[in-house]
Protein backbone atom coordinates (compact mmCIF):
# COMPACT_ATOMS: atom_id res chain seq x y z
CA MET A 1 -33.41 -0.18 -3.51
CA GLU A 2 -30.97 -1.73 -5.62
CA ASN A 3 -27.22 -1.02 -4.82
CA ASN A 4 -25.53 1.08 -7.32
CA MET A 5 -22.35 -0.67 -6.37
CA PHE A 6 -21.09 -2.26 -3.36
CA CYS A 7 -17.27 -1.81 -1.88
CA PHE A 8 -16.40 -2.52 1.63
CA GLN A 9 -12.50 -2.84 0.80
CA CYS A 10 -11.02 0.32 2.90
CA GLN A 11 -11.38 1.63 6.28
CA GLU A 12 -13.40 4.76 5.47
CA THR A 13 -16.21 2.80 3.84
CA ALA A 14 -19.76 4.25 4.22
CA LYS A 15 -21.26 3.80 7.87
CA GLY A 16 -18.75 1.01 8.45
CA PHE A 17 -20.70 -1.47 6.43
CA GLY A 18 -20.14 -0.65 2.67
CA CYS A 19 -20.43 1.97 -0.13
CA THR A 20 -23.82 1.52 -2.28
CA LEU A 21 -23.88 4.60 -4.24
CA LYS A 22 -20.69 6.07 -4.45
CA GLY A 23 -17.23 5.74 -2.89
CA VAL A 24 -16.19 7.45 0.07
CA CYS A 25 -12.88 7.51 -1.95
CA GLY A 26 -14.58 9.04 -4.45
CA LYS A 27 -15.09 6.44 -6.91
CA ASN A 28 -18.16 6.54 -8.98
CA ALA A 29 -20.52 3.59 -9.41
CA THR A 30 -19.39 2.89 -13.00
CA THR A 31 -15.91 2.79 -11.76
CA ALA A 32 -16.56 0.28 -9.16
CA ARG A 33 -18.40 -1.93 -11.14
CA ALA A 34 -15.79 -1.83 -13.92
CA MET A 35 -13.19 -3.01 -10.94
CA ASP A 36 -15.62 -5.73 -10.20
CA LEU A 37 -15.80 -6.96 -13.93
CA LEU A 38 -11.84 -6.60 -14.05
CA LEU A 39 -11.44 -8.70 -10.96
CA PHE A 40 -13.68 -11.29 -12.51
CA VAL A 41 -11.61 -11.40 -15.58
CA VAL A 42 -8.46 -11.75 -13.19
CA ARG A 43 -10.37 -15.14 -12.01
CA GLY A 44 -10.55 -16.34 -15.37
CA VAL A 45 -7.09 -15.64 -16.49
CA SER A 46 -5.58 -17.09 -13.18
CA VAL A 47 -7.83 -20.29 -13.29
CA ALA A 48 -6.49 -21.08 -16.81
CA ALA A 49 -2.97 -19.97 -15.81
CA ASP A 50 -2.90 -22.19 -12.62
CA GLN A 51 -4.00 -25.09 -14.79
CA LEU A 52 -1.10 -24.63 -17.16
CA HIS A 53 1.36 -24.28 -14.20
CA GLN A 54 0.17 -27.58 -12.67
CA HIS A 55 1.09 -29.16 -15.73
CA SER A 56 4.78 -27.46 -15.68
CA LEU A 57 3.49 -25.33 -18.77
CA PRO A 58 4.92 -21.81 -19.13
CA VAL A 59 2.38 -18.84 -19.46
CA GLY A 60 4.49 -16.12 -20.18
CA GLU A 61 5.68 -12.99 -18.17
CA GLU A 62 2.60 -11.03 -19.86
CA VAL A 63 0.21 -12.87 -17.80
CA ASP A 64 2.18 -12.06 -14.52
CA ASN A 65 2.47 -8.62 -15.46
CA PHE A 66 -1.44 -8.43 -16.17
CA ILE A 67 -2.40 -9.99 -13.09
CA VAL A 68 -0.40 -7.68 -10.54
CA ASP A 69 -1.23 -4.20 -12.78
CA ALA A 70 -4.94 -5.30 -12.57
CA LEU A 71 -4.89 -6.08 -8.74
CA PHE A 72 -2.84 -3.10 -8.18
CA CYS A 73 -5.23 -0.70 -10.19
CA THR A 74 -8.02 -1.70 -8.05
CA ILE A 75 -6.74 -0.63 -4.73
CA THR A 76 -8.19 2.33 -3.01
CA ASN A 77 -7.35 5.55 -4.68
CA ALA A 78 -5.50 4.37 -7.52
CA ASN A 79 -7.36 4.58 -10.57
CA PHE A 80 -10.54 6.66 -11.39
CA ASP A 81 -10.34 6.11 -15.11
CA ASP A 82 -13.12 4.00 -16.28
CA GLU A 83 -11.83 3.71 -19.99
CA SER A 84 -8.23 2.72 -18.83
CA ILE A 85 -9.71 0.26 -16.46
CA MET A 86 -11.99 -1.24 -19.74
CA LYS A 87 -9.10 -1.52 -21.79
CA ARG A 88 -7.42 -3.95 -19.02
CA ILE A 89 -10.47 -6.11 -19.24
CA ASP A 90 -10.71 -6.61 -23.03
CA LYS A 91 -6.75 -7.36 -22.65
CA GLY A 92 -7.42 -9.88 -20.03
CA LEU A 93 -10.63 -11.38 -21.73
CA ALA A 94 -8.12 -12.04 -25.07
CA MET A 95 -5.43 -13.29 -22.62
CA ARG A 96 -7.96 -15.83 -21.14
CA ASP A 97 -8.94 -17.04 -24.44
CA ASP A 98 -5.14 -17.63 -25.51
CA LEU A 99 -4.88 -19.45 -22.48
CA LYS A 100 -7.65 -21.65 -22.97
CA ARG A 101 -6.56 -22.53 -26.50
CA GLN A 102 -3.31 -23.40 -24.93
CA ALA A 103 -4.83 -25.54 -22.79
CA ALA A 104 -6.95 -27.28 -25.10
CA THR A 105 -3.86 -27.83 -27.68
CA GLU A 106 -2.24 -29.68 -24.90
CA GLY A 107 -5.38 -31.71 -23.86
CA ILE A 108 -5.61 -30.07 -20.41
CA PRO A 109 -9.06 -29.81 -19.12
CA LEU A 110 -10.01 -26.40 -17.33
CA PRO A 111 -12.48 -25.94 -14.40
CA GLU A 112 -16.04 -24.80 -15.76
CA VAL A 113 -16.32 -21.16 -14.55
CA ASP A 114 -18.60 -18.42 -15.26
CA GLU A 115 -17.33 -16.32 -17.96
CA LEU A 116 -17.66 -13.36 -20.42
CA SER A 117 -17.54 -13.30 -24.04
CA TRP A 118 -14.83 -10.82 -25.39
CA THR A 119 -17.22 -8.80 -27.52
CA GLY A 120 -15.91 -5.10 -26.48
CA ASN A 121 -19.74 -4.41 -26.20
CA ARG A 122 -19.70 -2.05 -23.16
CA ALA A 123 -23.48 -2.75 -22.13
CA ALA A 124 -22.68 -6.49 -21.99
CA TYR A 125 -19.59 -5.86 -19.97
CA ASP A 126 -21.93 -3.68 -17.52
CA ALA A 127 -24.50 -6.04 -17.23
CA LYS A 128 -22.07 -8.69 -16.34
CA ALA A 129 -20.69 -6.44 -13.73
CA ALA A 130 -23.76 -6.22 -11.79
CA THR A 131 -23.60 -9.81 -11.16
CA VAL A 132 -19.62 -10.47 -10.20
CA GLY A 133 -19.12 -7.96 -7.45
CA VAL A 134 -18.40 -8.75 -3.57
CA LEU A 135 -21.78 -9.86 -2.93
CA ARG A 136 -21.53 -12.97 -5.36
CA GLU A 137 -20.62 -15.31 -2.37
CA LYS A 138 -23.60 -15.34 -0.17
CA ASN A 139 -22.07 -16.72 2.94
CA GLU A 140 -21.23 -13.92 5.02
CA ASP A 141 -18.18 -15.82 6.65
CA LEU A 142 -16.88 -17.40 3.30
CA ARG A 143 -17.25 -13.88 1.58
CA SER A 144 -15.20 -12.24 4.53
CA LEU A 145 -12.35 -14.66 4.49
CA LYS A 146 -12.15 -14.71 0.56
CA GLU A 147 -12.20 -10.85 0.38
CA LEU A 148 -9.43 -10.64 3.24
CA ILE A 149 -7.33 -12.81 0.83
CA VAL A 150 -8.09 -10.82 -2.21
CA TYR A 151 -7.33 -7.84 -0.15
CA GLY A 152 -4.09 -9.30 0.81
CA LEU A 153 -3.19 -10.00 -2.74
CA LYS A 154 -3.93 -6.42 -3.72
CA GLY A 155 -1.60 -5.19 -1.28
CA MET A 156 1.03 -7.88 -2.37
CA ALA A 157 0.72 -7.10 -6.05
CA ALA A 158 1.42 -3.36 -5.46
CA TYR A 159 4.80 -4.25 -3.29
CA LEU A 160 5.69 -6.89 -6.17
CA GLU A 161 5.14 -4.28 -9.02
CA HIS A 162 7.75 -1.84 -7.48
CA ALA A 163 10.17 -4.73 -7.07
CA MET A 164 9.70 -5.81 -10.93
CA ARG A 165 10.17 -2.28 -11.88
CA LEU A 166 13.35 -2.54 -10.30
CA GLY A 167 14.43 -5.48 -11.97
CA TYR A 168 13.52 -7.90 -9.12
CA ASN A 169 11.18 -10.60 -9.09
CA ASP A 170 10.19 -13.95 -7.78
CA GLU A 171 7.99 -16.52 -10.16
CA SER A 172 6.83 -18.27 -6.86
CA ILE A 173 5.18 -15.18 -5.69
CA HIS A 174 3.21 -15.27 -8.97
CA ARG A 175 2.53 -18.77 -8.97
CA PHE A 176 0.98 -18.21 -5.40
CA MET A 177 -1.33 -15.35 -6.38
CA GLN A 178 -2.79 -17.10 -9.28
CA ASN A 179 -3.09 -20.62 -7.37
CA ALA A 180 -4.91 -18.58 -4.68
CA ILE A 181 -7.19 -17.02 -6.72
CA ALA A 182 -8.01 -20.05 -8.86
CA LYS A 183 -8.86 -21.80 -5.38
CA ILE A 184 -11.23 -19.32 -4.08
CA THR A 185 -12.79 -19.21 -7.59
CA THR A 186 -13.16 -23.07 -8.64
CA GLU A 187 -13.03 -24.90 -5.19
CA TYR A 188 -15.34 -25.02 -2.01
CA LEU A 189 -12.84 -24.29 0.71
CA SER A 190 -14.12 -24.57 4.15
CA ALA A 191 -14.00 -21.55 6.78
CA ASP A 192 -10.75 -23.44 8.12
CA GLU A 193 -9.26 -23.86 4.86
CA LEU A 194 -9.77 -20.09 3.89
CA THR A 195 -8.19 -19.16 7.39
CA ALA A 196 -5.13 -21.41 6.44
CA LEU A 197 -4.82 -19.37 2.78
CA VAL A 198 -5.22 -16.07 4.77
CA LEU A 199 -2.01 -16.93 6.72
CA LYS A 200 -0.29 -18.15 3.68
CA THR A 201 -1.26 -15.14 1.82
CA GLY A 202 0.73 -13.40 4.85
CA GLU A 203 3.70 -15.49 4.80
CA VAL A 204 4.13 -14.78 0.97
CA GLY A 205 3.53 -10.88 1.94
CA VAL A 206 6.55 -11.21 4.16
CA GLN A 207 8.52 -12.91 0.94
CA THR A 208 7.23 -10.10 -1.06
CA MET A 209 8.40 -7.27 1.12
CA ALA A 210 11.78 -8.81 1.57
CA LEU A 211 11.96 -8.85 -2.12
CA LEU A 212 10.82 -5.48 -2.59
CA ASP A 213 13.29 -4.53 0.49
CA LYS A 214 16.23 -6.09 -1.52
CA ALA A 215 15.15 -4.24 -4.84
CA ASN A 216 15.18 -0.83 -3.33
CA THR A 217 18.37 -1.03 -1.19
CA SER A 218 20.61 -2.98 -3.74
CA ASN A 219 19.50 -0.03 -6.23
CA TYR A 220 19.73 2.73 -3.81
CA GLY A 221 21.68 1.93 -0.68
CA ASN A 222 20.52 1.01 2.71
CA PRO A 223 18.38 3.88 4.14
CA GLU A 224 20.38 6.25 6.56
CA ILE A 225 19.46 8.56 9.01
CA THR A 226 18.18 12.01 7.36
CA HIS A 227 16.99 15.30 8.04
CA VAL A 228 14.85 16.32 5.64
CA ASN A 229 13.82 19.88 4.43
CA ILE A 230 10.02 20.36 4.74
CA GLY A 231 10.27 24.19 3.68
CA ALA A 232 10.12 25.60 0.01
CA GLY A 233 12.65 27.01 -2.35
CA THR A 234 12.39 29.74 -4.86
CA ARG A 235 12.70 27.78 -7.72
CA PRO A 236 9.91 25.96 -9.62
CA GLY A 237 8.87 22.50 -8.63
CA ILE A 238 7.67 19.29 -9.57
CA LEU A 239 5.78 17.21 -6.69
CA ILE A 240 6.05 13.21 -6.63
CA SER A 241 3.65 11.29 -4.84
CA GLY A 242 3.06 7.39 -4.16
CA HIS A 243 5.89 5.06 -3.51
CA ASP A 244 7.77 4.03 -6.63
CA LEU A 245 11.36 4.84 -6.45
CA HIS A 246 12.39 4.07 -10.26
CA ASP A 247 9.72 6.71 -11.25
CA LEU A 248 11.64 9.08 -8.89
CA GLU A 249 15.01 8.19 -9.99
CA GLU A 250 13.80 8.76 -13.62
CA LEU A 251 12.59 12.14 -12.92
CA LEU A 252 15.64 13.31 -10.92
CA GLU A 253 17.91 12.31 -14.02
CA GLN A 254 15.65 13.90 -16.54
CA THR A 255 15.50 17.48 -14.39
CA LYS A 256 18.93 17.65 -12.81
CA ASP A 257 20.13 20.42 -14.94
CA SER A 258 16.56 21.93 -16.03
CA GLY A 259 16.20 24.48 -13.30
CA VAL A 260 13.30 22.84 -11.36
CA ASP A 261 13.22 21.11 -7.91
CA ILE A 262 11.72 18.15 -7.12
CA TYR A 263 9.52 17.57 -3.95
CA THR A 264 8.34 14.47 -2.57
CA HIS A 265 4.73 14.16 -1.16
CA GLY A 266 3.05 11.67 1.28
CA GLU A 267 4.52 8.01 1.37
CA MET A 268 7.54 9.27 -1.29
CA LEU A 269 8.86 10.96 1.86
CA PRO A 270 11.26 8.04 2.83
CA ALA A 271 12.80 8.37 -0.62
CA HIS A 272 15.07 11.03 1.07
CA TYR A 273 16.71 8.39 3.37
CA TYR A 274 18.04 6.69 0.51
CA PRO A 275 22.09 7.51 -0.41
CA ALA A 276 21.44 7.04 -4.13
CA PHE A 277 19.30 10.45 -4.30
CA LYS A 278 21.40 12.56 -1.92
CA LYS A 279 23.30 13.26 -4.95
CA TYR A 280 20.88 15.15 -6.76
CA ALA A 281 21.16 18.82 -5.31
CA HIS A 282 17.60 19.68 -6.97
CA PHE A 283 16.10 16.85 -4.67
CA ALA A 284 14.92 19.68 -2.45
CA GLY A 285 12.60 18.13 0.36
CA ASN A 286 9.03 17.04 1.39
CA TYR A 287 6.25 19.38 0.82
CA GLY A 288 3.10 18.75 2.98
CA ASN A 289 1.79 16.03 4.69
CA ALA A 290 -0.17 12.76 4.06
CA TRP A 291 -2.29 12.08 0.97
CA TRP A 292 -5.73 13.20 2.11
CA LYS A 293 -4.63 16.63 2.59
CA GLN A 294 -3.54 17.05 -0.79
CA ARG A 295 -6.38 19.23 -2.43
CA GLU A 296 -5.13 22.18 -0.38
CA GLU A 297 -1.38 21.49 -0.71
CA PHE A 298 -1.32 20.73 -4.39
CA THR A 299 -3.03 24.14 -4.61
CA SER A 300 -0.28 25.95 -3.15
CA PHE A 301 2.51 23.71 -4.39
CA ASN A 302 2.12 25.66 -7.78
CA GLY A 303 3.66 23.20 -9.78
CA PRO A 304 2.68 19.98 -11.65
CA ILE A 305 2.42 16.59 -9.72
CA LEU A 306 3.00 13.12 -10.63
CA PHE A 307 1.24 10.28 -9.21
CA THR A 308 3.18 7.20 -9.27
CA THR A 309 0.53 5.06 -7.35
CA ASN A 310 -2.30 5.14 -5.24
CA CYS A 311 -3.19 8.00 -2.95
CA ILE A 312 -5.33 10.14 -5.53
CA VAL A 313 -8.10 12.11 -3.80
CA PRO A 314 -10.32 13.25 -6.56
CA PRO A 315 -9.98 17.00 -7.26
CA LEU A 316 -13.07 19.52 -6.71
CA PRO A 317 -14.43 20.81 -9.76
CA ASN A 318 -12.64 24.16 -9.40
CA ALA A 319 -9.63 22.76 -8.55
CA THR A 320 -6.88 24.96 -10.28
CA TYR A 321 -4.08 21.99 -10.18
CA LYS A 322 -5.81 19.41 -12.17
CA GLU A 323 -4.43 20.47 -15.48
CA ARG A 324 -1.17 19.85 -13.75
CA MET A 325 -1.98 16.33 -12.52
CA PHE A 326 -0.15 13.53 -14.04
CA THR A 327 -0.67 9.55 -13.65
CA THR A 328 1.61 6.59 -14.38
CA ASN A 329 1.59 2.98 -13.64
CA SER A 330 -1.37 1.44 -12.67
CA THR A 331 -2.93 4.82 -11.61
CA GLY A 332 -5.63 6.70 -13.77
CA TYR A 333 -7.71 9.72 -13.39
CA PRO A 334 -9.80 11.03 -16.17
CA GLY A 335 -8.52 14.02 -17.86
CA CYS A 336 -5.11 13.57 -16.76
CA LYS A 337 -2.28 13.02 -19.00
CA HIS A 338 -0.77 9.18 -18.37
CA ILE A 339 2.66 8.75 -18.61
CA VAL A 340 3.37 5.15 -20.16
CA ALA A 341 6.93 3.79 -20.41
CA ASP A 342 8.62 2.77 -23.96
CA GLU A 343 9.56 -0.35 -25.58
CA ASN A 344 12.74 -0.03 -23.19
CA GLY A 345 10.79 0.47 -20.15
CA GLN A 346 12.00 4.18 -20.04
CA LYS A 347 9.40 7.20 -19.22
CA ASP A 348 9.82 10.62 -20.92
CA TYR A 349 8.94 13.42 -18.66
CA THR A 350 9.45 16.39 -20.93
CA GLU A 351 5.98 17.67 -20.91
CA ILE A 352 5.74 17.91 -16.98
CA ILE A 353 9.22 19.69 -17.01
CA GLU A 354 8.46 22.27 -19.36
CA ILE A 355 4.95 22.73 -17.38
CA ALA A 356 6.76 23.19 -14.21
CA LYS A 357 9.15 25.93 -15.61
CA GLN A 358 6.17 28.10 -16.56
CA CYS A 359 5.19 27.69 -12.98
CA ALA A 360 5.74 29.95 -9.74
CA ALA A 361 7.76 28.39 -7.03
CA PRO A 362 5.71 26.55 -4.03
CA THR A 363 4.34 28.54 -1.65
CA GLU A 364 5.77 27.76 1.75
CA ILE A 365 3.47 26.11 4.08
CA GLU A 366 5.88 24.99 6.71
CA HIS A 367 9.40 25.35 7.39
CA GLY A 368 12.01 23.28 9.27
CA GLU A 369 13.03 19.75 8.99
CA ILE A 370 11.93 16.05 10.17
CA ILE A 371 14.08 13.01 10.80
CA GLY A 372 13.59 9.41 9.45
CA GLY A 373 15.67 6.88 7.98
CA PHE A 374 15.43 4.01 10.56
CA ALA A 375 15.28 1.06 8.42
CA HIS A 376 16.57 -2.32 10.00
CA ASN A 377 20.19 -2.19 8.33
CA GLN A 378 20.23 1.58 10.38
CA VAL A 379 18.89 0.30 13.55
CA LEU A 380 20.57 -2.57 13.60
CA GLN A 381 23.75 -0.66 13.44
CA LEU A 382 22.37 0.97 16.61
CA ALA A 383 21.48 -2.36 18.46
CA GLU A 384 24.08 -2.10 21.16
CA LYS A 385 22.90 1.60 21.91
CA VAL A 386 19.27 0.34 21.74
CA VAL A 387 20.09 -3.00 23.99
CA GLU A 388 21.69 -1.22 26.37
CA ALA A 389 18.94 1.58 26.87
CA VAL A 390 16.05 -1.33 27.13
CA LYS A 391 18.40 -3.19 29.89
CA SER A 392 19.18 0.09 31.81
CA GLY A 393 15.30 0.70 31.79
CA ALA A 394 15.93 3.97 29.63
CA ILE A 395 13.62 2.38 27.20
CA ARG A 396 10.76 0.44 28.82
CA LYS A 397 8.47 -0.18 25.56
CA PHE A 398 8.48 0.18 21.83
CA ILE A 399 4.91 1.16 20.22
CA VAL A 400 4.52 0.00 16.71
CA MET A 401 2.64 2.77 15.02
CA ALA A 402 3.00 1.85 11.34
CA GLY A 403 0.21 2.06 8.71
CA CYS A 404 -1.89 4.21 6.97
CA ASP A 405 -3.35 8.02 7.54
CA GLY A 406 -6.64 9.05 6.46
CA ARG A 407 -9.31 11.62 6.84
CA MET A 408 -11.60 10.46 9.86
CA ARG A 409 -11.56 12.97 12.52
CA GLY A 410 -11.29 9.98 14.85
CA ARG A 411 -7.65 9.42 13.47
CA ASP A 412 -6.63 12.26 16.02
CA TYR A 413 -6.53 9.59 18.36
CA TYR A 414 -3.08 8.32 17.15
CA THR A 415 -1.67 12.32 17.55
CA SER A 416 -3.37 12.23 21.15
CA PHE A 417 -1.76 8.78 21.75
CA ALA A 418 1.75 9.87 20.80
CA GLU A 419 1.84 12.98 22.83
CA MET A 420 0.61 11.15 25.95
CA LEU A 421 3.21 8.38 25.66
CA PRO A 422 5.62 8.36 28.73
CA LYS A 423 8.78 9.58 27.91
CA ASP A 424 10.59 6.04 28.20
CA THR A 425 8.92 4.75 25.29
CA VAL A 426 10.02 4.73 21.48
CA ILE A 427 7.58 4.85 18.57
CA LEU A 428 8.43 2.75 15.56
CA THR A 429 6.30 3.81 12.50
CA ALA A 430 6.35 3.08 8.67
CA GLY A 431 3.79 4.43 6.27
CA CYS A 432 1.84 7.57 6.01
CA ALA A 433 0.60 6.86 9.61
CA LYS A 434 3.79 9.06 10.76
CA TYR A 435 2.20 12.40 9.56
CA ARG A 436 0.00 12.26 12.63
CA TYR A 437 3.06 12.48 14.91
CA ASN A 438 6.51 12.97 12.86
CA LYS A 439 6.40 16.62 13.56
CA LEU A 440 5.84 16.76 17.29
CA ALA A 441 8.61 17.71 19.22
CA LEU A 442 8.91 14.03 21.31
CA GLY A 443 12.65 14.57 21.80
CA ASP A 444 14.95 11.43 22.28
CA ILE A 445 16.22 8.81 24.79
CA ASN A 446 19.99 8.92 25.17
CA GLY A 447 20.23 10.42 21.67
CA ILE A 448 17.91 7.73 20.09
CA PRO A 449 14.93 9.80 18.39
CA ARG A 450 11.61 8.89 20.11
CA VAL A 451 10.19 8.65 16.65
CA LEU A 452 12.00 6.04 14.68
CA ASP A 453 10.59 6.17 10.82
CA ALA A 454 11.40 3.17 8.95
CA GLY A 455 9.91 4.63 5.72
CA GLN A 456 6.87 3.54 3.37
CA CYS A 457 4.20 0.75 4.26
CA ASN A 458 6.03 -1.95 2.64
CA ASP A 459 8.85 -1.05 5.40
CA SER A 460 6.83 -2.52 7.87
CA TYR A 461 9.04 -5.33 6.88
CA SER A 462 11.98 -3.58 8.54
CA LEU A 463 10.06 -3.39 11.81
CA ALA A 464 9.47 -7.17 11.62
CA VAL A 465 13.39 -7.62 10.98
CA ILE A 466 14.10 -5.21 13.71
CA ALA A 467 11.69 -7.23 16.34
CA LEU A 468 12.96 -10.55 15.29
CA LYS A 469 16.65 -9.52 15.76
CA LEU A 470 15.88 -7.92 19.24
CA LYS A 471 14.13 -11.34 20.19
CA GLU A 472 17.41 -12.68 19.29
CA VAL A 473 19.28 -10.67 21.15
CA PHE A 474 17.51 -10.75 24.47
CA GLY A 475 17.38 -14.54 24.12
CA LEU A 476 13.61 -14.94 23.83
CA HIS A 477 11.60 -17.72 22.74
CA ASP A 478 8.48 -15.81 21.13
CA ILE A 479 8.51 -12.61 19.42
CA ASN A 480 5.23 -11.66 21.74
CA GLU A 481 7.68 -11.56 24.82
CA LEU A 482 9.53 -8.17 23.43
CA PRO A 483 8.61 -5.20 25.19
CA ILE A 484 6.39 -4.13 22.01
CA VAL A 485 3.13 -3.00 21.52
CA TYR A 486 1.18 -2.72 18.42
CA ASN A 487 -1.29 -0.05 17.67
CA ILE A 488 -1.88 0.08 14.13
CA ALA A 489 -4.10 2.39 11.89
CA TRP A 490 -4.95 1.18 8.45
CA TYR A 491 -6.79 2.41 5.34
CA GLU A 492 -6.38 0.12 2.41
CA GLN A 493 -5.35 -3.09 0.84
CA LYS A 494 -1.39 -2.68 1.35
CA ALA A 495 -2.02 -2.31 4.99
CA VAL A 496 -4.08 -5.37 4.98
CA ILE A 497 -1.17 -7.73 3.44
CA VAL A 498 1.08 -5.81 6.34
CA LEU A 499 -1.65 -7.27 8.98
CA LEU A 500 -1.64 -10.82 7.55
CA ALA A 501 2.37 -10.49 7.32
CA LEU A 502 2.53 -9.85 11.27
CA LEU A 503 0.01 -12.66 11.91
CA SER A 504 2.34 -15.10 9.59
CA LEU A 505 5.22 -13.99 11.98
CA GLY A 506 3.17 -15.12 15.02
CA VAL A 507 2.62 -11.69 16.15
CA LYS A 508 -0.45 -11.43 18.53
CA GLU A 509 -2.15 -8.42 20.32
CA ILE A 510 -2.27 -6.28 17.54
CA HIS A 511 -4.52 -3.14 18.04
CA LEU A 512 -6.19 -2.41 14.50
CA GLY A 513 -7.88 1.18 14.00
CA PRO A 514 -9.43 3.60 13.82
CA THR A 515 -12.27 0.82 13.15
CA LEU A 516 -11.89 -2.87 12.46
CA PRO A 517 -12.52 -3.82 8.56
CA ALA A 518 -15.98 -3.96 7.58
CA PHE A 519 -15.38 -6.86 5.60
CA LEU A 520 -14.83 -8.81 8.37
CA SER A 521 -17.84 -10.92 9.39
CA PRO A 522 -18.84 -11.02 13.01
CA ASN A 523 -17.51 -14.82 13.22
CA VAL A 524 -14.51 -13.97 11.29
CA ALA A 525 -13.75 -10.99 13.60
CA LYS A 526 -13.96 -13.62 16.46
CA VAL A 527 -11.52 -16.03 15.15
CA LEU A 528 -9.01 -13.06 14.94
CA VAL A 529 -9.73 -12.22 18.27
CA GLU A 530 -9.48 -15.54 19.68
CA ASN A 531 -6.66 -16.90 17.90
CA PHE A 532 -4.51 -13.77 17.32
CA GLY A 533 -5.78 -11.44 19.89
CA ILE A 534 -6.41 -8.54 17.44
CA SER A 535 -8.88 -6.07 18.97
CA GLY A 536 -9.84 -2.26 18.02
CA ILE A 537 -8.79 0.60 19.71
CA GLY A 538 -10.66 2.53 22.74
CA THR A 539 -9.64 5.95 24.20
CA VAL A 540 -6.21 7.21 24.19
CA GLU A 541 -6.51 6.82 28.22
CA SER A 542 -8.02 3.61 28.37
CA ASP A 543 -5.49 2.03 25.50
CA MET A 544 -2.82 3.39 27.67
CA LYS A 545 -3.92 1.87 30.73
CA LYS A 546 -4.45 -1.55 28.82
CA PHE A 547 -1.18 -1.44 27.27
CA GLY A 548 0.38 -1.01 30.52
CA LEU A 549 1.82 2.57 29.76
CA ILE A 550 0.27 4.33 32.62
CA ASN A 551 -1.40 3.31 35.87
């Protein structure tokens, strides 16, 4: 039977092979095909833009913005709204044609590529979409490497968009993204050449995460050790999800005298670590856990929810909170109000605030507090204490358990792993993977908490900075000589760029779970194992022995 769709970009992909009827994430086949077509259009725009760049001609920031947004909105759990995706397709086709005319005017020949005419005919679009998906590349190994690059670029686009919204940009990152897409579209690249491009993607990923780190810290200060309330107050609230700190800032400003409290959910938790947000008395705390628990937690929250980035779980048909859901930026969900910025880049959250005022206060689902804020600047302030603990043997090993959380029952592995770790080990984490163990009573070592949370998934950059600094302090020649074990969980494409970034920095022996990516062909997986020591996970006890943590 012919597939309705094919998608294998996330960890939950059906049967560890690919979603063919409907996405496990909740994405319909029509949405999947629309995303395939949008990525096809991105390829056409990138080919034309790259040729103009090769001749030192500008293409305009609207092209850069379009490609970043289009890549971001196709990340897992970001956008389920077919109509918004189709509008992007129309915009991209018009943009491609403008670039082609510009090239013709300048006498610049463009490579011949498969194209779709800009007609607005949805039936024609759907027919084309059926031919341009992942399986268009018949060679399994080349397909695997090309998709690894594309997924890395999607994660890169997410981080770049956040930086851009805070006023930080880097033209060289845009140039790389467009050139990489053009290369895999128009050139025959061998497996070795594609592997080199994979590593280059990781290198630019480090550059992008460094840019976002600079954007965040320049605007909001360096994260600092912070105790975050996880209970609920008596006033109505707005729950903000995702990763975009600029949206949070605007929301806090517009609600500071409204009588409405602001709570974070999921990956927005680390916003509490930034000094600039601590001036808001109504920034009440973090409500709930990782993204996949939102169906029950959004129901009990009682107030409106704002999605700033991916991590949307489609509400059940009888969900009472859907009418209180709002999206912005690259996200979208049918039937939910989408908040757009005005010509000055500002957003008006009045409607959300007025709804919140009519809602009951959040139902408390837990109480207490959790500690975080251990990004690179904070940890380096503790460097002397950390180094002394390592030299004295109080800390024997660091365990990097960064990455994503998810719904699979097998992810209980990470909770059990954290609980079983010897008392002379410290967990370094970033991303929503931390929700598997950040509320456990794991204690501290000489005042150093045994879970050091650096922040969001992009703050894996902080973990790399910390590792490189420790390498320098201990006078080592290779980062892999450090007493660090990498046991990383992944779910979607932002985790892919983090993985590629670590590989580009020379980190080896990364253990990836709960399953290896379905988009890795056997041969590509073999290359990663042989060259970089990447492997999956086993049982908690067997992995503890493998990592030298227990006998």
